[in-house]
C-alpha atoms as a PDB file:
ATOM      1  CA  UNK A   1       0.000   0.000   0.000  1.00  0.00           C
ATOM      2  CA  UNK A   2       2.910   2.345   0.768  1.00  0.00           C
ATOM      3  CA  UNK A   3       4.428   1.636  -2.649  1.00  0.00           C
ATOM      4  CA  UNK A   4       1.109   2.415  -4.309  1.00  0.00           C
ATOM      5  CA  UNK A   5       0.882   5.745  -2.460  1.00  0.00           C
ATOM      6  CA  UNK A   6       4.389   6.686  -3.613  1.00  0.00           C
ATOM      7  CA  UNK A   7       3.674   5.538  -7.166  1.00  0.00           C
ATOM      8  CA  UNK A   8       0.571   7.749  -7.308  1.00  0.00           C
ATOM      9  CA  UNK A   9       2.826  10.800  -6.784  1.00  0.00           C
ATOM     10  CA  UNK A  10       4.871  10.061  -9.922  1.00  0.00           C
ATOM     11  CA  UNK A  11       4.029  12.261 -12.894  1.00  0.00           C
ATOM     12  CA  UNK A  12       1.997  10.279 -15.405  1.00  0.00           C
ATOM     13  CA  UNK A  13       1.031   7.610 -12.882  1.00  0.00           C
ATOM     14  CA  UNK A  14      -2.244   5.870 -13.663  1.00  0.00           C
ATOM     15  CA  UNK A  15      -4.624   4.132 -11.307  1.00  0.00           C
ATOM     16  CA  UNK A  16      -7.803   2.089 -11.276  1.00  0.00           C
ATOM     17  CA  UNK A  17      -8.826   0.336 -14.505  1.00  0.00           C
ATOM     18  CA  UNK A  18      -6.928   2.565 -16.917  1.00  0.00           C
ATOM     19  CA  UNK A  19      -6.199  -0.156 -19.480  1.00  0.00           C
ATOM     20  CA  UNK A  20      -8.629  -1.973 -21.784  1.00  0.00           C
ATOM     21  CA  UNK A  21     -10.711  -4.680 -20.125  1.00  0.00           C
ATOM     22  CA  UNK A  22     -12.640  -7.486 -21.746  1.00  0.00           C
ATOM     23  CA  UNK A  23     -15.514  -9.076 -19.823  1.00  0.00           C
ATOM     24  CA  UNK A  24     -16.920 -12.517 -20.625  1.00  0.00           C
ATOM     25  CA  UNK A  25     -19.673 -14.257 -18.695  1.00  0.00           C
ATOM     26  CA  UNK A  26     -20.068 -18.011 -18.886  1.00  0.00           C
ATOM     27  CA  UNK A  27     -22.244 -20.380 -16.878  1.00  0.00           C
ATOM     28  CA  UNK A  28     -21.077 -19.802 -13.296  1.00  0.00           C
ATOM     29  CA  UNK A  29     -17.975 -17.729 -14.046  1.00  0.00           C
ATOM     30  CA  UNK A  30     -16.751 -14.259 -14.936  1.00  0.00           C
ATOM     31  CA  UNK A  31     -13.624 -14.018 -17.103  1.00  0.00           C
ATOM     32  CA  UNK A  32     -11.787 -10.679 -17.041  1.00  0.00           C
ATOM     33  CA  UNK A  33      -8.900  -9.858 -19.354  1.00  0.00           C
ATOM     34  CA  UNK A  34      -6.709  -6.763 -19.134  1.00  0.00           C
ATOM     35  CA  UNK A  35      -4.254  -5.574 -21.763  1.00  0.00           C
ATOM     36  CA  UNK A  36      -1.315  -3.759 -20.134  1.00  0.00           C
ATOM     37  CA  UNK A  37       1.157  -1.858 -22.339  1.00  0.00           C
ATOM     38  CA  UNK A  38       4.931  -2.389 -22.225  1.00  0.00           C
ATOM     39  CA  UNK A  39       7.080  -0.479 -19.739  1.00  0.00           C
ATOM     40  CA  UNK A  40       4.387   0.003 -17.089  1.00  0.00           C
ATOM     41  CA  UNK A  41       4.789  -0.191 -13.316  1.00  0.00           C
ATOM     42  CA  UNK A  42       1.469  -0.690 -11.558  1.00  0.00           C
ATOM     43  CA  UNK A  43      -0.268  -2.286  -8.636  1.00  0.00           C
ATOM     44  CA  UNK A  44      -3.185  -4.659  -8.732  1.00  0.00           C
ATOM     45  CA  UNK A  45      -6.297  -4.512  -6.636  1.00  0.00           C
ATOM     46  CA  UNK A  46      -6.642  -6.479  -3.391  1.00  0.00           C
ATOM     47  CA  UNK A  47      -8.226  -9.831  -4.135  1.00  0.00           C
ATOM     48  CA  UNK A  48     -10.837 -11.202  -1.717  1.00  0.00           C
ATOM     49  CA  UNK A  49     -11.200 -14.619  -3.324  1.00  0.00           C
ATOM     50  CA  UNK A  50      -8.696 -17.249  -4.442  1.00  0.00           C
ATOM     51  CA  UNK A  51      -8.906 -17.663  -8.223  1.00  0.00           C
ATOM     52  CA  UNK A  52      -6.855 -18.765 -11.251  1.00  0.00           C
ATOM     53  CA  UNK A  53      -5.084 -16.368 -13.573  1.00  0.00           C
ATOM     54  CA  UNK A  54      -3.446 -16.760 -16.960  1.00  0.00           C
ATOM     55  CA  UNK A  55      -0.765 -14.635 -18.599  1.00  0.00           C
ATOM     56  CA  UNK A  56      -1.738 -15.108 -22.232  1.00  0.00           C
ATOM     57  CA  UNK A  57       1.034 -13.055 -23.788  1.00  0.00           C
ATOM     58  CA  UNK A  58       3.967 -10.903 -22.781  1.00  0.00           C
ATOM     59  CA  UNK A  59       6.654 -10.691 -20.124  1.00  0.00           C
ATOM     60  CA  UNK A  60       6.213  -9.173 -16.679  1.00  0.00           C
ATOM     61  CA  UNK A  61       7.948  -9.004 -13.295  1.00  0.00           C
ATOM     62  CA  UNK A  62       5.620  -9.648 -10.365  1.00  0.00           C
ATOM     63  CA  UNK A  63       6.499  -8.856  -6.762  1.00  0.00           C
ATOM     64  CA  UNK A  64       5.463 -11.847  -4.649  1.00  0.00           C
ATOM     65  CA  UNK A  65       5.865 -12.824  -1.022  1.00  0.00           C
ATOM     66  CA  UNK A  66       9.019 -14.648  -2.208  1.00  0.00           C
ATOM     67  CA  UNK A  67      10.499 -11.660  -4.045  1.00  0.00           C
ATOM     68  CA  UNK A  68      10.404 -10.675  -7.700  1.00  0.00           C
ATOM     69  CA  UNK A  69       9.223 -13.350 -10.145  1.00  0.00           C
ATOM     70  CA  UNK A  70       9.645 -13.059 -13.927  1.00  0.00           C
ATOM     71  CA  UNK A  71       6.627 -14.430 -15.782  1.00  0.00           C
ATOM     72  CA  UNK A  72       6.702 -15.141 -19.497  1.00  0.00           C
ATOM     73  CA  UNK A  73       3.584 -16.212 -21.351  1.00  0.00           C
ATOM     74  CA  UNK A  74       2.066 -18.647 -21.564  1.00  0.00           C
ATOM     75  CA  UNK A  75       1.721 -18.976 -17.784  1.00  0.00           C
ATOM     76  CA  UNK A  76      -0.968 -19.974 -15.330  1.00  0.00           C
ATOM     77  CA  UNK A  77      -1.120 -19.444 -11.598  1.00  0.00           C
ATOM     78  CA  UNK A  78      -3.400 -19.030  -8.611  1.00  0.00           C
ATOM     79  CA  UNK A  79      -4.072 -15.752  -6.843  1.00  0.00           C
ATOM     80  CA  UNK A  80      -4.693 -16.364  -3.147  1.00  0.00           C
ATOM     81  CA  UNK A  81      -7.188 -14.282  -1.208  1.00  0.00           C
ATOM     82  CA  UNK A  82      -5.414 -11.255   0.239  1.00  0.00           C
ATOM     83  CA  UNK A  83      -3.030 -10.832  -2.701  1.00  0.00           C
ATOM     84  CA  UNK A  84      -2.076  -7.391  -4.021  1.00  0.00           C
ATOM     85  CA  UNK A  85       0.660  -7.332  -6.658  1.00  0.00           C
ATOM     86  CA  UNK A  86       3.254  -4.904  -7.965  1.00  0.00           C
ATOM     87  CA  UNK A  87       3.815  -5.455 -11.706  1.00  0.00           C
ATOM     88  CA  UNK A  88       6.426  -4.214 -14.157  1.00  0.00           C
ATOM     89  CA  UNK A  89       5.759  -5.043 -17.801  1.00  0.00           C
ATOM     90  CA  UNK A  90       8.517  -5.483 -20.401  1.00  0.00           C
ATOM     91  CA  UNK A  91       6.191  -6.109 -23.315  1.00  0.00           C
ATOM     92  CA  UNK A  92       2.464  -5.716 -23.765  1.00  0.00           C
ATOM     93  CA  UNK A  93       0.872  -8.208 -21.349  1.00  0.00           C
ATOM     94  CA  UNK A  94      -2.514  -9.855 -21.638  1.00  0.00           C
ATOM     95  CA  UNK A  95      -3.582 -11.105 -18.181  1.00  0.00           C
ATOM     96  CA  UNK A  96      -6.812 -13.047 -17.627  1.00  0.00           C
ATOM     97  CA  UNK A  97      -8.523 -13.897 -14.337  1.00  0.00           C
ATOM     98  CA  UNK A  98     -11.456 -16.246 -13.760  1.00  0.00           C
ATOM     99  CA  UNK A  99     -13.925 -15.730 -10.914  1.00  0.00           C
ATOM    100  CA  UNK A 100     -16.625 -18.174  -9.843  1.00  0.00           C
ATOM    101  CA  UNK A 101     -19.904 -16.231  -9.687  1.00  0.00           C
ATOM    102  CA  UNK A 102     -23.446 -16.345 -10.998  1.00  0.00           C
ATOM    103  CA  UNK A 103     -23.447 -12.541 -11.071  1.00  0.00           C
ATOM    104  CA  UNK A 104     -23.238 -10.577 -14.335  1.00  0.00           C
ATOM    105  CA  UNK A 105     -23.354  -7.026 -12.925  1.00  0.00           C
ATOM    106  CA  UNK A 106     -19.737  -5.765 -12.967  1.00  0.00           C
ATOM    107  CA  UNK A 107     -20.200  -3.509  -9.920  1.00  0.00           C
ATOM    108  CA  UNK A 108     -21.601  -6.417  -7.885  1.00  0.00           C
ATOM    109  CA  UNK A 109     -18.825  -8.750  -9.042  1.00  0.00           C
ATOM    110  CA  UNK A 110     -16.180  -6.192  -8.072  1.00  0.00           C
ATOM    111  CA  UNK A 111     -17.725  -5.965  -4.603  1.00  0.00           C
ATOM    112  CA  UNK A 112     -17.618  -9.783  -4.334  1.00  0.00           C
ATOM    113  CA  UNK A 113     -14.012 -10.271  -5.425  1.00  0.00           C
ATOM    114  CA  UNK A 114     -12.118  -7.011  -4.704  1.00  0.00           C
ATOM    115  CA  UNK A 115     -11.408  -5.380  -1.333  1.00  0.00           C
ATOM    116  CA  UNK A 116     -11.094  -1.606  -1.034  1.00  0.00           C
ATOM    117  CA  UNK A 117      -8.503  -2.075   1.713  1.00  0.00           C
ATOM    118  CA  UNK A 118      -7.068  -4.814   3.901  1.00  0.00           C
ATOM    119  CA  UNK A 119      -9.514  -4.221   6.765  1.00  0.00           C
ATOM    120  CA  UNK A 120     -12.273  -5.395   4.431  1.00  0.00           C
ATOM    121  CA  UNK A 121     -10.410  -8.693   4.036  1.00  0.00           C
ATOM    122  CA  UNK A 122     -10.330  -9.650   7.694  1.00  0.00           C
ATOM    123  CA  UNK A 123     -13.842 -11.141   7.703  1.00  0.00           C
ATOM    124  CA  UNK A 124     -13.291 -12.952   4.407  1.00  0.00           C
ATOM    125  CA  UNK A 125      -9.999 -14.518   5.449  1.00  0.00           C
ATOM    126  CA  UNK A 126     -11.386 -15.537   8.848  1.00  0.00           C
ATOM    127  CA  UNK A 127     -14.087 -17.495   7.023  1.00  0.00           C
ATOM    128  CA  UNK A 128     -11.451 -19.713   5.430  1.00  0.00           C
ATOM    129  CA  UNK A 129     -11.472 -18.168   1.949  1.00  0.00           C
ATOM    130  CA  UNK A 130      -7.729 -18.677   1.761  1.00  0.00           C
END
């Protein structure tokens, strides 16, 4: 969170969903794809729910609890509840996440799967959503 605050002070810094998003709804799931340009440093949102993700194309460094990890597409992984990432892209990156939900309203889905801050996560993580 401190890094994100400092990053927001950098001239030209972008926040929120400032890159193109593609939304697909299938029976029982929401698939979200973001296209991130090359040479971007950004932070992700705080994830409430464990879910799979796929790096479909590109090359990106991701700060993890184990340090910096270089990811080159194609790649698949799991985002654990409570995760917030710092990303640095080297090429354009296409990153897809899949969320289990019957919902199709994007605002309602965001409320289900994204926390505004870590205090919002405490109840979710205590319920075993790890």
